[in-house]
Amino acid sequence: MIAKGEVEMGLYNVSEIPEGKGLTLAGPVPAPLQLTTSYEGALMSDGSEPQAARAFIRFLANPDARAKWVAARLEPLGDRR
């Protein structure tokens, strides 16, 4: 609706705002008003592939993956503390 000119501004997840579509990110909502979503990984006690699950969680949490999280406009947890 913003890109079509139907409204002047809106609020949406930063990671979901398409770039180059007639939209400009003005900035984040002030911290006291933000609602954040945290994702956690866990292994099931009866999982059939615990090594693969553990490797996947380590892959996601690896510091080398940080640039990919930031490129997707997601905030690694350490950035919010």
PDB file of N, CA and C in Angstrom:
ATOM      1  N   MET A   1       0.828  -1.193   0.000  1.00  0.00           N
ATOM      2  CA  MET A   1       0.000   0.000   0.000  1.00  0.00           C
ATOM      3  C   MET A   1       0.874   1.258   0.000  1.00  0.00           C
ATOM      4  N   ILE A   2       2.004   1.176   0.707  1.00  0.00           N
ATOM      5  CA  ILE A   2       2.904   2.326   0.741  1.00  0.00           C
ATOM      6  C   ILE A   2       3.483   2.576  -0.649  1.00  0.00           C
ATOM      7  N   ALA A   3       4.012   1.517  -1.268  1.00  0.00           N
ATOM      8  CA  ALA A   3       4.629   1.652  -2.588  1.00  0.00           C
ATOM      9  C   ALA A   3       3.616   2.124  -3.638  1.00  0.00           C
ATOM     10  N   LYS A   4       2.366   1.776  -3.453  1.00  0.00           N
ATOM     11  CA  LYS A   4       1.326   2.201  -4.396  1.00  0.00           C
ATOM     12  C   LYS A   4       0.838   3.624  -4.132  1.00  0.00           C
ATOM     13  N   GLY A   5       1.293   4.227  -3.017  1.00  0.00           N
ATOM     14  CA  GLY A   5       0.871   5.579  -2.684  1.00  0.00           C
ATOM     15  C   GLY A   5      -0.472   5.645  -2.001  1.00  0.00           C
ATOM     16  N   GLU A   6      -0.992   4.492  -1.568  1.00  0.00           N
ATOM     17  CA  GLU A   6      -2.307   4.465  -0.919  1.00  0.00           C
ATOM     18  C   GLU A   6      -2.228   4.956   0.530  1.00  0.00           C
ATOM     19  N   VAL A   7      -1.068   4.802   1.155  1.00  0.00           N
ATOM     20  CA  VAL A   7      -0.829   5.315   2.503  1.00  0.00           C
ATOM     21  C   VAL A   7       0.577   5.914   2.511  1.00  0.00           C
ATOM     22  N   GLU A   8       0.824   6.822   3.447  1.00  0.00           N
ATOM     23  CA  GLU A   8       2.115   7.494   3.485  1.00  0.00           C
ATOM     24  C   GLU A   8       3.167   6.747   4.287  1.00  0.00           C
ATOM     25  N   MET A   9       2.749   5.997   5.272  1.00  0.00           N
ATOM     26  CA  MET A   9       3.708   5.256   6.080  1.00  0.00           C
ATOM     27  C   MET A   9       3.041   4.038   6.696  1.00  0.00           C
ATOM     28  N   GLY A  10       3.858   3.119   7.162  1.00  0.00           N
ATOM     29  CA  GLY A  10       3.337   1.921   7.800  1.00  0.00           C
ATOM     30  C   GLY A  10       4.405   1.300   8.676  1.00  0.00           C
ATOM     31  N   LEU A  11       4.009   0.353   9.454  1.00  0.00           N
ATOM     32  CA  LEU A  11       4.926  -0.363  10.341  1.00  0.00           C
ATOM     33  C   LEU A  11       4.961  -1.818   9.914  1.00  0.00           C
ATOM     34  N   TYR A  12       6.173  -2.345   9.807  1.00  0.00           N
ATOM     35  CA  TYR A  12       6.311  -3.729   9.386  1.00  0.00           C
ATOM     36  C   TYR A  12       7.656  -4.245   9.859  1.00  0.00           C
ATOM     37  N   ASN A  13       7.831  -5.552   9.822  1.00  0.00           N
ATOM     38  CA  ASN A  13       9.117  -6.135  10.196  1.00  0.00           C
ATOM     39  C   ASN A  13      10.197  -5.648   9.233  1.00  0.00           C
ATOM     40  N   VAL A  14      11.289  -5.157   9.765  1.00  0.00           N
ATOM     41  CA  VAL A  14      12.376  -4.630   8.930  1.00  0.00           C
ATOM     42  C   VAL A  14      12.846  -5.679   7.933  1.00  0.00           C
ATOM     43  N   SER A  15      12.929  -6.917   8.360  1.00  0.00           N
ATOM     44  CA  SER A  15      13.429  -7.975   7.477  1.00  0.00           C
ATOM     45  C   SER A  15      12.474  -8.284   6.322  1.00  0.00           C
ATOM     46  N   GLU A  16      11.259  -7.783   6.386  1.00  0.00           N
ATOM     47  CA  GLU A  16      10.259  -8.072   5.356  1.00  0.00           C
ATOM     48  C   GLU A  16      10.001  -6.901   4.412  1.00  0.00           C
ATOM     49  N   ILE A  17      10.702  -5.786   4.603  1.00  0.00           N
ATOM     50  CA  ILE A  17      10.498  -4.624   3.744  1.00  0.00           C
ATOM     51  C   ILE A  17      11.335  -4.803   2.483  1.00  0.00           C
ATOM     52  N   PRO A  18      10.696  -4.914   1.318  1.00  0.00           N
ATOM     53  CA  PRO A  18      11.471  -5.115   0.083  1.00  0.00           C
ATOM     54  C   PRO A  18      12.194  -3.831  -0.323  1.00  0.00           C
ATOM     55  N   GLU A  19      13.456  -3.972  -0.649  1.00  0.00           N
ATOM     56  CA  GLU A  19      14.224  -2.812  -1.089  1.00  0.00           C
ATOM     57  C   GLU A  19      13.975  -2.571  -2.570  1.00  0.00           C
ATOM     58  N   GLY A  20      14.062  -1.318  -2.986  1.00  0.00           N
ATOM     59  CA  GLY A  20      13.930  -0.990  -4.390  1.00  0.00           C
ATOM     60  C   GLY A  20      12.515  -1.116  -4.919  1.00  0.00           C
ATOM     61  N   LYS A  21      11.538  -1.092  -4.071  1.00  0.00           N
ATOM     62  CA  LYS A  21      10.144  -1.228  -4.498  1.00  0.00           C
ATOM     63  C   LYS A  21       9.360   0.062  -4.191  1.00  0.00           C
ATOM     64  N   GLY A  22      10.058   1.186  -4.181  1.00  0.00           N
ATOM     65  CA  GLY A  22       9.394   2.452  -3.875  1.00  0.00           C
ATOM     66  C   GLY A  22       9.235   2.689  -2.390  1.00  0.00           C
ATOM     67  N   LEU A  23       9.992   1.951  -1.582  1.00  0.00           N
ATOM     68  CA  LEU A  23       9.907   2.070  -0.136  1.00  0.00           C
ATOM     69  C   LEU A  23      11.245   2.532   0.431  1.00  0.00           C
ATOM     70  N   THR A  24      11.190   3.296   1.498  1.00  0.00           N
ATOM     71  CA  THR A  24      12.395   3.717   2.200  1.00  0.00           C
ATOM     72  C   THR A  24      12.184   3.464   3.679  1.00  0.00           C
ATOM     73  N   LEU A  25      13.127   2.762   4.284  1.00  0.00           N
ATOM     74  CA  LEU A  25      13.064   2.514   5.721  1.00  0.00           C
ATOM     75  C   LEU A  25      13.417   3.803   6.445  1.00  0.00           C
ATOM     76  N   ALA A  26      12.478   4.354   7.198  1.00  0.00           N
ATOM     77  CA  ALA A  26      12.714   5.592   7.940  1.00  0.00           C
ATOM     78  C   ALA A  26      13.480   5.311   9.227  1.00  0.00           C
ATOM     79  N   GLY A  27      13.336   4.105   9.760  1.00  0.00           N
ATOM     80  CA  GLY A  27      14.032   3.739  10.985  1.00  0.00           C
ATOM     81  C   GLY A  27      13.195   2.782  11.802  1.00  0.00           C
ATOM     82  N   PRO A  28      13.800   2.204  12.813  1.00  0.00           N
ATOM     83  CA  PRO A  28      13.062   1.254  13.648  1.00  0.00           C
ATOM     84  C   PRO A  28      12.124   1.969  14.624  1.00  0.00           C
ATOM     85  N   VAL A  29      11.156   1.248  15.089  1.00  0.00           N
ATOM     86  CA  VAL A  29      10.279   1.732  16.146  1.00  0.00           C
ATOM     87  C   VAL A  29      11.158   1.894  17.394  1.00  0.00           C
ATOM     88  N   PRO A  30      10.955   2.920  18.200  1.00  0.00           N
ATOM     89  CA  PRO A  30      11.773   3.079  19.411  1.00  0.00           C
ATOM     90  C   PRO A  30      11.749   1.819  20.277  1.00  0.00           C
ATOM     91  N   ALA A  31      12.895   1.495  20.857  1.00  0.00           N
ATOM     92  CA  ALA A  31      13.059   0.252  21.626  1.00  0.00           C
ATOM     93  C   ALA A  31      11.942  -0.015  22.636  1.00  0.00           C
ATOM     94  N   PRO A  32      11.485   0.978  23.402  1.00  0.00           N
ATOM     95  CA  PRO A  32      10.422   0.674  24.380  1.00  0.00           C
ATOM     96  C   PRO A  32       9.104   0.217  23.744  1.00  0.00           C
ATOM     97  N   LEU A  33       8.921   0.498  22.466  1.00  0.00           N
ATOM     98  CA  LEU A  33       7.676   0.135  21.787  1.00  0.00           C
ATOM     99  C   LEU A  33       7.808  -1.111  20.915  1.00  0.00           C
ATOM    100  N   GLN A  34       9.018  -1.625  20.786  1.00  0.00           N
ATOM    101  CA  GLN A  34       9.235  -2.770  19.903  1.00  0.00           C
ATOM    102  C   GLN A  34       8.770  -4.075  20.533  1.00  0.00           C
ATOM    103  N   LEU A  35       8.279  -4.943  19.681  1.00  0.00           N
ATOM    104  CA  LEU A  35       7.984  -6.321  20.061  1.00  0.00           C
ATOM    105  C   LEU A  35       8.992  -7.175  19.296  1.00  0.00           C
ATOM    106  N   THR A  36       9.790  -7.929  20.010  1.00  0.00           N
ATOM    107  CA  THR A  36      10.796  -8.742  19.341  1.00  0.00           C
ATOM    108  C   THR A  36      10.400 -10.208  19.378  1.00  0.00           C
ATOM    109  N   THR A  37      10.880 -10.932  18.407  1.00  0.00           N
ATOM    110  CA  THR A  37      10.658 -12.366  18.341  1.00  0.00           C
ATOM    111  C   THR A  37      12.008 -13.045  18.442  1.00  0.00           C
ATOM    112  N   SER A  38      12.151 -13.916  19.400  1.00  0.00           N
ATOM    113  CA  SER A  38      13.383 -14.681  19.556  1.00  0.00           C
ATOM    114  C   SER A  38      13.110 -16.126  19.152  1.00  0.00           C
ATOM    115  N   TYR A  39      14.076 -16.707  18.480  1.00  0.00           N
ATOM    116  CA  TYR A  39      13.966 -18.099  18.067  1.00  0.00           C
ATOM    117  C   TYR A  39      14.985 -18.910  18.847  1.00  0.00           C
ATOM    118  N   GLU A  40      14.597 -20.081  19.265  1.00  0.00           N
ATOM    119  CA  GLU A  40      15.481 -20.956  20.013  1.00  0.00           C
ATOM    120  C   GLU A  40      15.540 -22.312  19.327  1.00  0.00           C
ATOM    121  N   GLY A  41      16.673 -22.964  19.479  1.00  0.00           N
ATOM    122  CA  GLY A  41      16.824 -24.312  18.945  1.00  0.00           C
ATOM    123  C   GLY A  41      16.959 -25.299  20.088  1.00  0.00           C
ATOM    124  N   ALA A  42      16.451 -26.479  19.905  1.00  0.00           N
ATOM    125  CA  ALA A  42      16.532 -27.505  20.935  1.00  0.00           C
ATOM    126  C   ALA A  42      16.568 -28.875  20.287  1.00  0.00           C
ATOM    127  N   LEU A  43      17.124 -29.812  20.993  1.00  0.00           N
ATOM    128  CA  LEU A  43      17.146 -31.201  20.543  1.00  0.00           C
ATOM    129  C   LEU A  43      16.035 -31.961  21.250  1.00  0.00           C
ATOM    130  N   MET A  44      15.331 -32.771  20.510  1.00  0.00           N
ATOM    131  CA  MET A  44      14.306 -33.615  21.110  1.00  0.00           C
ATOM    132  C   MET A  44      14.992 -34.811  21.774  1.00  0.00           C
ATOM    133  N   SER A  45      14.541 -35.182  22.945  1.00  0.00           N
ATOM    134  CA  SER A  45      15.180 -36.286  23.662  1.00  0.00           C
ATOM    135  C   SER A  45      15.049 -37.607  22.913  1.00  0.00           C
ATOM    136  N   ASP A  46      14.024 -37.728  22.087  1.00  0.00           N
ATOM    137  CA  ASP A  46      13.841 -38.968  21.328  1.00  0.00           C
ATOM    138  C   ASP A  46      13.996 -38.749  19.819  1.00  0.00           C
ATOM    139  N   GLY A  47      14.725 -37.688  19.441  1.00  0.00           N
ATOM    140  CA  GLY A  47      14.927 -37.380  18.027  1.00  0.00           C
ATOM    141  C   GLY A  47      15.693 -38.489  17.321  1.00  0.00           C
ATOM    142  N   SER A  48      15.382 -38.705  16.060  1.00  0.00           N
ATOM    143  CA  SER A  48      16.015 -39.792  15.309  1.00  0.00           C
ATOM    144  C   SER A  48      17.398 -39.418  14.780  1.00  0.00           C
ATOM    145  N   GLU A  49      17.704 -38.119  14.681  1.00  0.00           N
ATOM    146  CA  GLU A  49      18.986 -37.660  14.139  1.00  0.00           C
ATOM    147  C   GLU A  49      19.603 -36.582  15.032  1.00  0.00           C
ATOM    148  N   PRO A  50      19.964 -36.929  16.269  1.00  0.00           N
ATOM    149  CA  PRO A  50      20.470 -35.895  17.184  1.00  0.00           C
ATOM    150  C   PRO A  50      21.763 -35.228  16.708  1.00  0.00           C
ATOM    151  N   GLN A  51      22.638 -35.971  16.049  1.00  0.00           N
ATOM    152  CA  GLN A  51      23.886 -35.366  15.582  1.00  0.00           C
ATOM    153  C   GLN A  51      23.605 -34.326  14.495  1.00  0.00           C
ATOM    154  N   ALA A  52      22.710 -34.644  13.572  1.00  0.00           N
ATOM    155  CA  ALA A  52      22.359 -33.704  12.509  1.00  0.00           C
ATOM    156  C   ALA A  52      21.668 -32.467  13.092  1.00  0.00           C
ATOM    157  N   ALA A  53      20.786 -32.670  14.047  1.00  0.00           N
ATOM    158  CA  ALA A  53      20.085 -31.548  14.677  1.00  0.00           C
ATOM    159  C   ALA A  53      21.079 -30.656  15.416  1.00  0.00           C
ATOM    160  N   ARG A  54      21.984 -31.260  16.150  1.00  0.00           N
ATOM    161  CA  ARG A  54      23.010 -30.507  16.880  1.00  0.00           C
ATOM    162  C   ARG A  54      23.895 -29.714  15.903  1.00  0.00           C
ATOM    163  N   ALA A  55      24.275 -30.337  14.789  1.00  0.00           N
ATOM    164  CA  ALA A  55      25.107 -29.664  13.791  1.00  0.00           C
ATOM    165  C   ALA A  55      24.361 -28.478  13.178  1.00  0.00           C
ATOM    166  N   PHE A  56      23.069 -28.643  12.928  1.00  0.00           N
ATOM    167  CA  PHE A  56      22.277 -27.555  12.345  1.00  0.00           C
ATOM    168  C   PHE A  56      22.186 -26.376  13.310  1.00  0.00           C
ATOM    169  N   ILE A  57      21.937 -26.644  14.572  1.00  0.00           N
ATOM    170  CA  ILE A  57      21.862 -25.571  15.572  1.00  0.00           C
ATOM    171  C   ILE A  57      23.208 -24.869  15.681  1.00  0.00           C
ATOM    172  N   ARG A  58      24.281 -25.623  15.688  1.00  0.00           N
ATOM    173  CA  ARG A  58      25.622 -25.010  15.742  1.00  0.00           C
ATOM    174  C   ARG A  58      25.872 -24.154  14.501  1.00  0.00           C
ATOM    175  N   PHE A  59      25.452 -24.625  13.354  1.00  0.00           N
ATOM    176  CA  PHE A  59      25.601 -23.865  12.108  1.00  0.00           C
ATOM    177  C   PHE A  59      24.879 -22.515  12.212  1.00  0.00           C
ATOM    178  N   LEU A  60      23.642 -22.536  12.702  1.00  0.00           N
ATOM    179  CA  LEU A  60      22.863 -21.304  12.820  1.00  0.00           C
ATOM    180  C   LEU A  60      23.464 -20.333  13.828  1.00  0.00           C
ATOM    181  N   ALA A  61      24.052 -20.874  14.902  1.00  0.00           N
ATOM    182  CA  ALA A  61      24.588 -20.041  15.982  1.00  0.00           C
ATOM    183  C   ALA A  61      26.053 -19.667  15.781  1.00  0.00           C
ATOM    184  N   ASN A  62      26.701 -20.211  14.777  1.00  0.00           N
ATOM    185  CA  ASN A  62      28.124 -19.968  14.556  1.00  0.00           C
ATOM    186  C   ASN A  62      28.377 -18.490  14.261  1.00  0.00           C
ATOM    187  N   PRO A  63      29.391 -17.910  14.887  1.00  0.00           N
ATOM    188  CA  PRO A  63      29.712 -16.502  14.602  1.00  0.00           C
ATOM    189  C   PRO A  63      29.942 -16.222  13.117  1.00  0.00           C
ATOM    190  N   ASP A  64      30.390 -17.216  12.355  1.00  0.00           N
ATOM    191  CA  ASP A  64      30.599 -17.020  10.926  1.00  0.00           C
ATOM    192  C   ASP A  64      29.279 -16.787  10.178  1.00  0.00           C
ATOM    193  N   ALA A  65      28.168 -17.203  10.756  1.00  0.00           N
ATOM    194  CA  ALA A  65      26.860 -17.021  10.117  1.00  0.00           C
ATOM    195  C   ALA A  65      26.275 -15.641  10.404  1.00  0.00           C
ATOM    196  N   ARG A  66      26.905 -14.884  11.305  1.00  0.00           N
ATOM    197  CA  ARG A  66      26.379 -13.584  11.720  1.00  0.00           C
ATOM    198  C   ARG A  66      26.131 -12.652  10.530  1.00  0.00           C
ATOM    199  N   ALA A  67      27.055 -12.602   9.592  1.00  0.00           N
ATOM    200  CA  ALA A  67      26.910 -11.709   8.440  1.00  0.00           C
ATOM    201  C   ALA A  67      25.657 -12.055   7.631  1.00  0.00           C
ATOM    202  N   LYS A  68      25.320 -13.322   7.560  1.00  0.00           N
ATOM    203  CA  LYS A  68      24.111 -13.734   6.831  1.00  0.00           C
ATOM    204  C   LYS A  68      22.847 -13.274   7.566  1.00  0.00           C
ATOM    205  N   TRP A  69      22.850 -13.377   8.892  1.00  0.00           N
ATOM    206  CA  TRP A  69      21.704 -12.900   9.674  1.00  0.00           C
ATOM    207  C   TRP A  69      21.535 -11.389   9.480  1.00  0.00           C
ATOM    208  N   VAL A  70      22.641 -10.653   9.548  1.00  0.00           N
ATOM    209  CA  VAL A  70      22.589  -9.204   9.401  1.00  0.00           C
ATOM    210  C   VAL A  70      22.153  -8.825   7.985  1.00  0.00           C
ATOM    211  N   ALA A  71      22.660  -9.534   6.976  1.00  0.00           N
ATOM    212  CA  ALA A  71      22.271  -9.266   5.581  1.00  0.00           C
ATOM    213  C   ALA A  71      20.771  -9.470   5.381  1.00  0.00           C
ATOM    214  N   ALA A  72      20.183 -10.386   6.129  1.00  0.00           N
ATOM    215  CA  ALA A  72      18.739 -10.637   6.055  1.00  0.00           C
ATOM    216  C   ALA A  72      17.961  -9.651   6.919  1.00  0.00           C
ATOM    217  N   ARG A  73      18.668  -8.683   7.470  1.00  0.00           N
ATOM    218  CA  ARG A  73      18.108  -7.647   8.343  1.00  0.00           C
ATOM    219  C   ARG A  73      17.447  -8.237   9.584  1.00  0.00           C
ATOM    220  N   LEU A  74      18.097  -9.249  10.118  1.00  0.00           N
ATOM    221  CA  LEU A  74      17.703  -9.835  11.398  1.00  0.00           C
ATOM    222  C   LEU A  74      18.804  -9.489  12.396  1.00  0.00           C
ATOM    223  N   GLU A  75      18.422  -9.262  13.629  1.00  0.00           N
ATOM    224  CA  GLU A  75      19.384  -8.871  14.644  1.00  0.00           C
ATOM    225  C   GLU A  75      19.837 -10.079  15.439  1.00  0.00           C
ATOM    226  N   PRO A  76      21.115 -10.415  15.372  1.00  0.00           N
ATOM    227  CA  PRO A  76      21.606 -11.466  16.267  1.00  0.00           C
ATOM    228  C   PRO A  76      21.386 -11.043  17.715  1.00  0.00           C
ATOM    229  N   LEU A  77      21.098 -11.986  18.566  1.00  0.00           N
ATOM    230  CA  LEU A  77      20.745 -11.688  19.952  1.00  0.00           C
ATOM    231  C   LEU A  77      21.762 -10.794  20.633  1.00  0.00           C
ATOM    232  N   GLY A  78      23.039 -11.020  20.391  1.00  0.00           N
ATOM    233  CA  GLY A  78      24.078 -10.214  21.027  1.00  0.00           C
ATOM    234  C   GLY A  78      23.964  -8.727  20.714  1.00  0.00           C
ATOM    235  N   ASP A  79      23.341  -8.365  19.604  1.00  0.00           N
ATOM    236  CA  ASP A  79      23.200  -6.957  19.228  1.00  0.00           C
ATOM    237  C   ASP A  79      22.139  -6.247  20.048  1.00  0.00           C
ATOM    238  N   ARG A  80      21.264  -6.972  20.712  1.00  0.00           N
ATOM    239  CA  ARG A  80      20.165  -6.347  21.464  1.00  0.00           C
ATOM    240  C   ARG A  80      20.466  -6.254  22.942  1.00  0.00           C
ATOM    241  N   ARG A  81      21.565  -6.758  23.404  1.00  0.00           N
ATOM    242  CA  ARG A  81      21.847  -6.729  24.848  1.00  0.00           C
ATOM    243  C   ARG A  81      22.726  -5.587  25.212  1.00  0.00           C
TER     244      ARG A  81
END
